C-alpha atoms as a PDB file:
ATOM      1  CA  MET A   1      10.180 -10.590 -14.622  1.00  0.00           C
ATOM      2  CA  HIS A   2       8.171 -11.452 -11.706  1.00  0.00           C
ATOM      3  CA  ASP A   3       4.706 -13.523 -12.218  1.00  0.00           C
ATOM      4  CA  PHE A   4       3.493 -13.060  -8.889  1.00  0.00           C
ATOM      5  CA  GLY A   5      -0.036 -12.185  -8.657  1.00  0.00           C
ATOM      6  CA  LYS A   6      -0.671 -12.984 -12.232  1.00  0.00           C
ATOM      7  CA  SER A   7      -2.487 -16.363 -11.845  1.00  0.00           C
ATOM      8  CA  TRP A   8      -5.709 -14.543 -10.531  1.00  0.00           C
ATOM      9  CA  ARG A   9      -7.317 -11.531 -11.457  1.00  0.00           C
ATOM     10  CA  PRO A  10      -7.567  -8.333  -9.137  1.00  0.00           C
ATOM     11  CA  ILE A  11     -10.711  -8.580  -7.085  1.00  0.00           C
ATOM     12  CA  ARG A  12     -12.242  -5.817  -4.758  1.00  0.00           C
ATOM     13  CA  PRO A  13     -11.026  -5.782  -1.023  1.00  0.00           C
ATOM     14  CA  PRO A  14     -11.768  -7.018   1.402  1.00  0.00           C
ATOM     15  CA  GLU A  15     -12.015 -10.392  -0.912  1.00  0.00           C
ATOM     16  CA  ALA A  16      -8.469  -9.371  -2.142  1.00  0.00           C
ATOM     17  CA  SER A  17      -7.183  -9.525   1.344  1.00  0.00           C
ATOM     18  CA  ILE A  18      -8.842 -12.836   2.143  1.00  0.00           C
ATOM     19  CA  LYS A  19      -7.134 -14.306  -1.345  1.00  0.00           C
ATOM     20  CA  PHE A  20      -3.669 -12.988   0.241  1.00  0.00           C
ATOM     21  CA  ALA A  21      -4.064 -14.465   3.173  1.00  0.00           C
ATOM     22  CA  GLU A  22      -4.666 -18.001   1.321  1.00  0.00           C
ATOM     23  CA  ARG A  23      -1.341 -17.746  -0.369  1.00  0.00           C
ATOM     24  CA  VAL A  24       0.730 -16.714   2.715  1.00  0.00           C
ATOM     25  CA  ASP A  25       2.408 -19.928   3.045  1.00  0.00           C
ATOM     26  CA  GLU A  26       3.201 -20.397  -0.683  1.00  0.00           C
ATOM     27  CA  LEU A  27       4.755 -16.805  -0.927  1.00  0.00           C
ATOM     28  CA  ARG A  28       6.660 -17.622   2.548  1.00  0.00           C
ATOM     29  CA  SER A  29       8.394 -20.521   0.500  1.00  0.00           C
ATOM     30  CA  ALA A  30       9.304 -18.383  -2.433  1.00  0.00           C
ATOM     31  CA  LEU A  31      10.615 -15.717  -0.241  1.00  0.00           C
ATOM     32  CA  LEU A  32      13.238 -18.113   1.509  1.00  0.00           C
ATOM     33  CA  LEU A  33      14.802 -18.720  -1.769  1.00  0.00           C
ATOM     34  CA  ARG A  34      15.975 -15.001  -1.608  1.00  0.00           C
ATOM     35  CA  ASP A  35      18.984 -13.509  -0.202  1.00  0.00           C
ATOM     36  CA  PRO A  36      17.582 -11.484   2.601  1.00  0.00           C
ATOM     37  CA  ASN A  37      20.143  -8.508   2.243  1.00  0.00           C
ATOM     38  CA  ILE A  38      19.052  -8.266  -1.522  1.00  0.00           C
ATOM     39  CA  VAL A  39      15.378  -8.493  -0.541  1.00  0.00           C
ATOM     40  CA  ALA A  40      16.123  -5.591   2.135  1.00  0.00           C
ATOM     41  CA  ALA A  41      18.336  -3.639  -0.135  1.00  0.00           C
ATOM     42  CA  ARG A  42      15.462  -3.705  -3.372  1.00  0.00           C
ATOM     43  CA  SER A  43      12.559  -2.979  -0.776  1.00  0.00           C
ATOM     44  CA  GLY A  44      13.931  -0.200   1.461  1.00  0.00           C
ATOM     45  CA  ALA A  45      13.464  -2.571   4.460  1.00  0.00           C
ATOM     46  CA  VAL A  46      16.685  -3.173   6.750  1.00  0.00           C
ATOM     47  CA  TYR A  47      18.205  -6.781   7.560  1.00  0.00           C
ATOM     48  CA  LEU A  48      19.812  -7.357  10.748  1.00  0.00           C
ATOM     49  CA  THR A  49      21.708 -10.365  11.223  1.00  0.00           C
ATOM     50  CA  THR A  50      21.016 -12.251  14.629  1.00  0.00           C
ATOM     51  CA  GLY A  51      23.056 -15.415  14.182  1.00  0.00           C
ATOM     52  CA  PRO A  52      24.163 -17.896  11.655  1.00  0.00           C
ATOM     53  CA  GLY A  53      21.595 -17.834   8.859  1.00  0.00           C
ATOM     54  CA  ARG A  54      19.367 -15.962  10.981  1.00  0.00           C
ATOM     55  CA  GLY A  55      18.207 -12.321  11.202  1.00  0.00           C
ATOM     56  CA  GLU A  56      15.348  -9.965  11.072  1.00  0.00           C
ATOM     57  CA  LEU A  57      13.713  -8.111   8.226  1.00  0.00           C
ATOM     58  CA  HIS A  58      12.621  -4.326   9.547  1.00  0.00           C
ATOM     59  CA  ILE A  59      10.220  -2.405   7.346  1.00  0.00           C
ATOM     60  CA  PRO A  60       7.865   0.486   8.007  1.00  0.00           C
ATOM     61  CA  PHE A  61       4.252  -0.075   7.083  1.00  0.00           C
ATOM     62  CA  TRP A  62       2.155   3.053   7.528  1.00  0.00           C
ATOM     63  CA  GLY A  63       4.491   4.827   9.604  1.00  0.00           C
ATOM     64  CA  ASN A  64       4.981   1.847  12.244  1.00  0.00           C
ATOM     65  CA  VAL A  65       7.925  -0.678  11.860  1.00  0.00           C
ATOM     66  CA  CYS A  66       7.073  -4.269  11.277  1.00  0.00           C
ATOM     67  CA  THR A  67       9.589  -7.011  12.193  1.00  0.00           C
ATOM     68  CA  LEU A  68       9.741 -10.400  10.320  1.00  0.00           C
ATOM     69  CA  ALA A  69      11.876 -13.278  11.721  1.00  0.00           C
ATOM     70  CA  TRP A  70      14.311 -14.984   9.138  1.00  0.00           C
ATOM     71  CA  PRO A  71      14.178 -17.851   8.228  1.00  0.00           C
ATOM     72  CA  GLU A  72      10.456 -18.266  10.081  1.00  0.00           C
ATOM     73  CA  LEU A  73       9.023 -15.242   8.305  1.00  0.00           C
ATOM     74  CA  THR A  74       6.464 -14.611  11.029  1.00  0.00           C
ATOM     75  CA  GLY A  75       5.926 -11.271  11.915  1.00  0.00           C
ATOM     76  CA  HIS A  76       4.832  -8.710  14.523  1.00  0.00           C
ATOM     77  CA  ASP A  77       4.056  -4.992  14.597  1.00  0.00           C
ATOM     78  CA  TYR A  78       5.847  -2.256  16.787  1.00  0.00           C
ATOM     79  CA  VAL A  79       3.752  -3.096  19.646  1.00  0.00           C
ATOM     80  CA  ALA A  80       4.528  -7.159  19.171  1.00  0.00           C
ATOM     81  CA  LYS A  81       1.217  -7.715  17.818  1.00  0.00           C
ATOM     82  CA  PRO A  82       1.390 -10.665  15.514  1.00  0.00           C
ATOM     83  CA  LEU A  83       0.595  -9.540  11.961  1.00  0.00           C
ATOM     84  CA  PRO A  84      -2.353 -11.021  10.151  1.00  0.00           C
ATOM     85  CA  ASP A  85      -2.001 -13.281   7.105  1.00  0.00           C
ATOM     86  CA  PHE A  86      -3.162 -11.229   4.747  1.00  0.00           C
ATOM     87  CA  GLN A  87      -0.829  -8.371   5.895  1.00  0.00           C
ATOM     88  CA  LEU A  88       2.077 -10.858   5.836  1.00  0.00           C
ATOM     89  CA  ALA A  89       1.185 -11.724   2.378  1.00  0.00           C
ATOM     90  CA  LEU A  90       0.958  -8.294   1.174  1.00  0.00           C
ATOM     91  CA  LEU A  91       4.600  -7.682   2.653  1.00  0.00           C
ATOM     92  CA  PHE A  92       5.667 -10.978   1.140  1.00  0.00           C
ATOM     93  CA  TYR A  93       4.709 -10.016  -2.436  1.00  0.00           C
ATOM     94  CA  HIS A  94       6.187  -6.589  -1.604  1.00  0.00           C
ATOM     95  CA  PHE A  95       9.647  -8.194  -0.827  1.00  0.00           C
ATOM     96  CA  LEU A  96       9.515 -10.789  -3.877  1.00  0.00           C
ATOM     97  CA  ILE A  97       8.448  -7.937  -6.427  1.00  0.00           C
ATOM     98  CA  ALA A  98      10.566  -5.063  -5.275  1.00  0.00           C
ATOM     99  CA  ASP A  99      13.186  -4.592  -7.844  1.00  0.00           C
ATOM    100  CA  GLY A 100      14.666  -1.363  -6.457  1.00  0.00           C
ATOM    101  CA  ILE A 101      13.937   1.057  -9.205  1.00  0.00           C
ATOM    102  CA  PRO A 102      13.554   4.739  -7.920  1.00  0.00           C
ATOM    103  CA  VAL A 103      10.662   6.366  -7.195  1.00  0.00           C
ATOM    104  CA  SER A 104       9.767   8.539 -10.144  1.00  0.00           C
ATOM    105  CA  GLY A 105       7.816  11.397  -8.573  1.00  0.00           C
ATOM    106  CA  LYS A 106       5.090  11.121 -11.514  1.00  0.00           C
ATOM    107  CA  TRP A 107       1.527  10.218 -10.280  1.00  0.00           C
ATOM    108  CA  VAL A 108      -0.858   8.121 -12.047  1.00  0.00           C
ATOM    109  CA  SER A 109      -4.174   6.854 -11.422  1.00  0.00           C
ATOM    110  CA  PHE A 110      -4.790   3.272 -10.783  1.00  0.00           C
ATOM    111  CA  ALA A 111      -6.139   2.871 -14.036  1.00  0.00           C
ATOM    112  CA  ASP A 112      -2.794   3.632 -15.541  1.00  0.00           C
ATOM    113  CA  LEU A 113      -1.016   0.808 -13.513  1.00  0.00           C
ATOM    114  CA  PRO A 114      -0.395  -2.537 -15.331  1.00  0.00           C
ATOM    115  CA  ASP A 115      -3.831  -4.289 -15.267  1.00  0.00           C
ATOM    116  CA  GLY A 116      -5.552  -1.773 -13.416  1.00  0.00           C
ATOM    117  CA  ARG A 117      -7.767  -0.096 -16.310  1.00  0.00           C
ATOM    118  CA  VAL A 118     -10.270  -2.823 -16.138  1.00  0.00           C
ATOM    119  CA  TYR A 119     -10.781  -2.488 -12.503  1.00  0.00           C
ATOM    120  CA  SER A 120     -10.404   1.109 -12.259  1.00  0.00           C
ATOM    121  CA  ALA A 121     -14.030   2.110 -11.824  1.00  0.00           C
ATOM    122  CA  ALA A 122     -14.403  -0.473  -8.928  1.00  0.00           C
ATOM    123  CA  PHE A 123     -11.388   1.037  -7.162  1.00  0.00           C
ATOM    124  CA  GLN A 124     -12.722   4.539  -7.528  1.00  0.00           C
ATOM    125  CA  GLY A 125     -15.880   3.350  -6.192  1.00  0.00           C
ATOM    126  CA  TYR A 126     -14.452   2.256  -2.812  1.00  0.00           C
ATOM    127  CA  SER A 127     -11.540   4.465  -2.614  1.00  0.00           C
ATOM    128  CA  GLY A 128     -12.357   8.356  -3.831  1.00  0.00           C
ATOM    129  CA  ASP A 129     -16.044   7.849  -3.953  1.00  0.00           C
ATOM    130  CA  GLU A 130     -16.134   6.953  -0.505  1.00  0.00           C
ATOM    131  CA  LEU A 131     -14.252   9.729   0.629  1.00  0.00           C
ATOM    132  CA  VAL A 132     -16.333  12.365  -1.071  1.00  0.00           C
ATOM    133  CA  LYS A 133     -19.466  10.695   0.642  1.00  0.00           C
ATOM    134  CA  ALA A 134     -17.436  10.934   4.172  1.00  0.00           C
ATOM    135  CA  PHE A 135     -16.444  14.831   3.599  1.00  0.00           C
ATOM    136  CA  GLY A 136     -18.599  16.502   0.809  1.00  0.00           C
ATOM    137  CA  LEU A 137     -17.849  20.012   1.007  1.00  0.00           C
ATOM    138  CA  ASN A 138     -16.003  19.899   4.333  1.00  0.00           C
ATOM    139  CA  LEU A 139     -12.766  20.479   2.815  1.00  0.00           C
ATOM    140  CA  GLU A 140     -11.351  21.482   6.243  1.00  0.00           C
ATOM    141  CA  THR A 141     -12.130  18.088   7.769  1.00  0.00           C
ATOM    142  CA  PHE A 142     -10.628  16.386   5.168  1.00  0.00           C
ATOM    143  CA  ARG A 143      -7.297  18.280   5.581  1.00  0.00           C
ATOM    144  CA  GLU A 144      -7.336  17.405   9.399  1.00  0.00           C
ATOM    145  CA  ALA A 145      -8.368  13.841   8.701  1.00  0.00           C
ATOM    146  CA  CYS A 146      -5.376  13.668   6.210  1.00  0.00           C
ATOM    147  CA  LEU A 147      -3.016  15.278   8.581  1.00  0.00           C
ATOM    148  CA  SER A 148      -4.086  13.262  11.547  1.00  0.00           C
ATOM    149  CA  ALA A 149      -3.429  10.199   9.414  1.00  0.00           C
ATOM    150  CA  GLY A 150       0.281  11.259   8.746  1.00  0.00           C
ATOM    151  CA  GLY A 151      -0.352  12.849   5.352  1.00  0.00           C
ATOM    152  CA  THR A 152       2.116  15.532   4.042  1.00  0.00           C
ATOM    153  CA  GLU A 153       0.473  18.145   2.092  1.00  0.00           C
ATOM    154  CA  ALA A 154       1.355  18.128  -1.791  1.00  0.00           C
ATOM    155  CA  GLY A 155      -0.024  21.441  -3.055  1.00  0.00           C
ATOM    156  CA  LEU A 156      -2.295  20.186  -5.702  1.00  0.00           C
ATOM    157  CA  ALA A 157      -6.020  20.466  -6.465  1.00  0.00           C
ATOM    158  CA  SER A 158      -8.161  22.019  -3.673  1.00  0.00           C
ATOM    159  CA  ALA A 159      -6.173  20.014  -1.081  1.00  0.00           C
ATOM    160  CA  SER A 160      -3.897  16.793  -1.663  1.00  0.00           C
ATOM    161  CA  PHE A 161      -1.909  14.810   0.868  1.00  0.00           C
ATOM    162  CA  VAL A 162       1.038  12.129   0.449  1.00  0.00           C
ATOM    163  CA  PHE A 163       1.174   9.135   2.244  1.00  0.00           C
ATOM    164  CA  GLN A 164       4.230   6.493   2.772  1.00  0.00           C
ATOM    165  CA  PRO A 165       2.563   3.004   3.377  1.00  0.00           C
ATOM    166  CA  LEU A 166       5.835   1.628   2.375  1.00  0.00           C
ATOM    167  CA  PRO A 167       9.376   2.946   1.959  1.00  0.00           C
ATOM    168  CA  ARG A 168       9.116   2.923  -1.871  1.00  0.00           C
ATOM    169  CA  VAL A 169       5.285   3.042  -2.467  1.00  0.00           C
ATOM    170  CA  PRO A 170       3.675   6.449  -1.683  1.00  0.00           C
ATOM    171  CA  LEU A 171       0.244   7.238  -2.246  1.00  0.00           C
ATOM    172  CA  MET A 172      -1.475  10.790  -2.978  1.00  0.00           C
ATOM    173  CA  VAL A 173      -5.044  11.528  -2.288  1.00  0.00           C
ATOM    174  CA  THR A 174      -6.504  14.427  -4.003  1.00  0.00           C
ATOM    175  CA  TYR A 175      -9.601  16.291  -3.538  1.00  0.00           C
ATOM    176  CA  TRP A 176     -11.415  18.766  -5.466  1.00  0.00           C
ATOM    177  CA  LEU A 177     -13.830  20.994  -3.781  1.00  0.00           C
ATOM    178  CA  GLY A 178     -17.504  20.941  -5.290  1.00  0.00           C
ATOM    179  CA  ASP A 179     -20.227  23.425  -4.708  1.00  0.00           C
ATOM    180  CA  GLU A 180     -23.779  23.456  -4.703  1.00  0.00           C
ATOM    181  CA  ASP A 181     -24.156  22.489  -8.346  1.00  0.00           C
ATOM    182  CA  PHE A 182     -21.097  20.454  -8.865  1.00  0.00           C
ATOM    183  CA  PRO A 183     -19.977  17.618  -6.202  1.00  0.00           C
ATOM    184  CA  SER A 184     -16.657  17.281  -4.741  1.00  0.00           C
ATOM    185  CA  SER A 185     -14.086  14.590  -6.313  1.00  0.00           C
ATOM    186  CA  CYS A 186     -11.460  12.670  -4.938  1.00  0.00           C
ATOM    187  CA  ARG A 187      -8.882  10.216  -6.389  1.00  0.00           C
ATOM    188  CA  ILE A 188      -6.063   8.182  -4.836  1.00  0.00           C
ATOM    189  CA  LEU A 189      -3.195   8.493  -7.196  1.00  0.00           C
ATOM    190  CA  PHE A 190       0.108   6.017  -7.308  1.00  0.00           C
ATOM    191  CA  ASP A 191       3.968   6.572  -8.010  1.00  0.00           C
ATOM    192  CA  GLU A 192       4.010   5.368 -11.744  1.00  0.00           C
ATOM    193  CA  THR A 193       6.760   2.535 -10.447  1.00  0.00           C
ATOM    194  CA  ALA A 194       4.210   0.897  -8.099  1.00  0.00           C
ATOM    195  CA  SER A 195       4.138  -1.985 -10.054  1.00  0.00           C
ATOM    196  CA  HIS A 196       7.844  -2.730  -9.390  1.00  0.00           C
ATOM    197  CA  TYR A 197       6.908  -2.929  -5.860  1.00  0.00           C
ATOM    198  CA  LEU A 198       3.176  -4.586  -5.647  1.00  0.00           C
ATOM    199  CA  PRO A 199       0.885  -6.470  -7.572  1.00  0.00           C
ATOM    200  CA  ILE A 200      -2.193  -4.704  -8.657  1.00  0.00           C
ATOM    201  CA  ASP A 201      -4.318  -6.255  -5.926  1.00  0.00           C
ATOM    202  CA  ALA A 202      -1.752  -4.935  -3.222  1.00  0.00           C
ATOM    203  CA  CYS A 203      -2.064  -1.514  -4.673  1.00  0.00           C
ATOM    204  CA  ALA A 204      -5.887  -1.967  -4.392  1.00  0.00           C
ATOM    205  CA  ILE A 205      -5.611  -2.909  -0.764  1.00  0.00           C
ATOM    206  CA  LEU A 206      -3.358  -0.014   0.056  1.00  0.00           C
ATOM    207  CA  GLY A 207      -5.984   2.452  -1.519  1.00  0.00           C
ATOM    208  CA  SER A 208      -8.612   0.656   0.841  1.00  0.00           C
ATOM    209  CA  MET A 209      -6.375   0.906   3.841  1.00  0.00           C
ATOM    210  CA  LEU A 210      -5.983   4.683   3.293  1.00  0.00           C
ATOM    211  CA  VAL A 211      -9.673   5.162   2.949  1.00  0.00           C
ATOM    212  CA  ARG A 212     -10.148   3.273   6.306  1.00  0.00           C
ATOM    213  CA  ARG A 213      -7.265   5.618   7.929  1.00  0.00           C
ATOM    214  CA  LEU A 214      -8.985   8.671   6.758  1.00  0.00           C
ATOM    215  CA  HIS A 215     -12.236   7.701   8.307  1.00  0.00           C
ATOM    216  CA  SER A 216     -10.577   6.850  11.332  1.00  0.00           C
ATOM    217  CA  PRO A 217      -7.407   8.932  11.747  1.00  0.00           C
ATOM    218  CA  THR A 218      -5.061   7.848  14.557  1.00  0.00           C
END
């Protein structure tokens, strides 16, 4: 059983991103003790050997492939831009925690994840509630934003979309359209296996990232 992320309590992004960045060197050292082929197999990444004791981990992140050199464990995105420390730390956590369990297809709330219940109100405040503030009764605008951000329709609630930030860590956003008397509501859901791939802090960061992508779809 892993213990990464257990020594400090989950906190709200962007503070969590800062804490991740502070731990990047510690996580890098821990990851170097692992076999990169096993790391890749468990996380859904691909490991390519480039020489004796050298290689590259390739992993899709929000639809674009990130490359991490082994053993340096420096990384860049698909346009060769260096990855910021907090994103490196998030990927390192993912590689360290991933155990290869199959995605279940069962969706649960942030509160239903291990260690998530105490912080679920805060998570809802900067995730689903923020999306309701942005879209309100404009369901079609919400749909367009989700499609533009790479979502796939899921056929639940008034509208729902699945996103794939990491190969084995899907997210679903569900939107219930309100009316003049009852406000709309929105929630971000996780596959019940999410804790096998990320600590709760990283799950919160992914949810926050999704909100930003829907505010500014690409």
